[in-house]
Protein backbone atom coordinates (compact mmCIF):
# COMPACT_ATOMS: atom_id res chain seq x y z
CA MET A 1 107.27 100.78 108.25
CA PHE A 2 107.53 103.78 105.77
CA PHE A 3 108.47 103.52 102.85
CA GLY A 4 112.33 105.09 102.36
CA ASP A 5 112.41 101.71 105.51
CA GLN A 6 111.65 99.81 102.99
CA VAL A 7 113.87 100.85 100.00
CA ALA A 8 116.43 101.09 102.75
CA GLY A 9 115.86 97.77 103.62
CA PHE A 10 115.78 96.65 100.18
CA ARG A 11 119.54 98.40 98.73
CA LEU A 12 121.01 97.08 101.38
CA TYR A 13 119.79 93.79 101.57
CA MET A 14 120.73 93.67 97.54
CA VAL A 15 124.30 95.39 98.07
CA TYR A 16 125.37 93.73 101.18
CA GLN A 17 123.15 90.43 101.07
CA LYS A 18 124.56 87.68 103.60
CA ALA A 19 126.17 90.57 106.17
CA PHE A 20 122.92 92.06 106.03
CA VAL A 21 121.01 89.38 107.19
CA LYS A 22 123.25 88.59 109.90
CA LEU A 23 123.21 91.79 111.22
CA LEU A 24 119.25 91.71 111.04
CA ASN A 25 119.85 88.41 113.27
CA VAL A 26 122.07 90.38 115.79
CA ILE A 27 118.85 92.95 116.04
CA VAL A 28 116.47 89.87 116.49
CA VAL A 29 118.61 88.30 119.01
CA ASP A 30 120.18 90.90 120.53
CA PHE A 31 117.38 94.25 120.45
CA ILE A 32 114.45 92.94 119.37
CA GLY A 33 114.58 90.19 122.23
CA SER A 34 116.14 92.93 125.12
CA LEU A 35 113.14 94.77 123.81
CA LYS A 36 110.97 92.00 124.56
CA GLN A 37 112.01 91.50 128.37
CA GLN A 38 111.93 95.35 129.30
CA LYS A 39 108.56 94.51 128.73
CA ASP A 40 107.71 98.66 128.00
CA PRO A 41 104.30 99.37 126.30
CA ASP A 42 105.38 102.09 123.75
CA SER A 43 107.99 100.02 122.30
CA ARG A 44 105.58 97.15 121.22
CA ALA A 45 104.62 98.94 117.94
CA VAL A 46 107.77 99.00 117.22
CA LEU A 47 108.48 95.04 117.96
CA SER A 48 105.49 93.83 115.92
CA ARG A 49 107.15 96.29 112.68
CA LEU A 50 110.47 94.84 112.96
CA GLU A 51 109.40 91.35 113.77
CA THR A 52 106.95 91.53 110.75
CA TYR A 53 109.80 92.90 107.89
CA ILE A 54 112.78 91.05 109.49
CA GLY A 55 110.33 87.37 109.71
CA ALA A 56 108.78 87.74 106.26
CA ARG A 57 111.23 88.73 104.66
CA GLN A 58 110.18 91.84 103.46
CA PHE A 59 113.38 93.59 102.56
CA MET A 60 114.12 91.25 99.78
CA LYS A 61 111.06 92.76 98.21
CA GLU A 62 111.63 95.01 95.90
CA PRO A 63 109.48 98.39 96.89
CA ASP A 64 106.31 99.73 94.53
CA GLY A 65 107.69 102.77 92.69
CA ARG A 66 111.37 101.87 93.13
CA SER A 67 111.77 101.23 89.27
CA MET A 68 110.55 103.08 86.17
CA PRO A 69 107.55 101.33 84.51
CA LYS A 70 108.45 99.83 81.10
CA SER A 71 105.63 102.22 79.60
CA ASP A 72 103.20 104.26 81.08
CA LEU A 73 99.46 106.01 79.50
CA SER A 74 101.08 108.36 78.11
CA SER A 75 102.46 106.00 75.45
CA ALA A 76 99.32 103.88 74.96
CA LEU A 77 97.36 106.97 74.35
CA LYS A 78 98.85 107.79 70.88
CA CYS A 79 97.22 107.72 67.97
């Protein structure tokens, strides 16, 4: 998924937790199930990314670059 999707998913999970997980369950059962029944070859990539993102619970992982680093290179180079 794109970086923006990761940030949005993480933020939605942090704010809404149980409600967001319930929404994802509806997506898995209804939306993904419906797409699979249509057997559209163009939807395979979308299905794969969605199933991976939801199944691996990637929305619970803070995306890289979201938080400011505790130190930077300039502070290490100071004499």
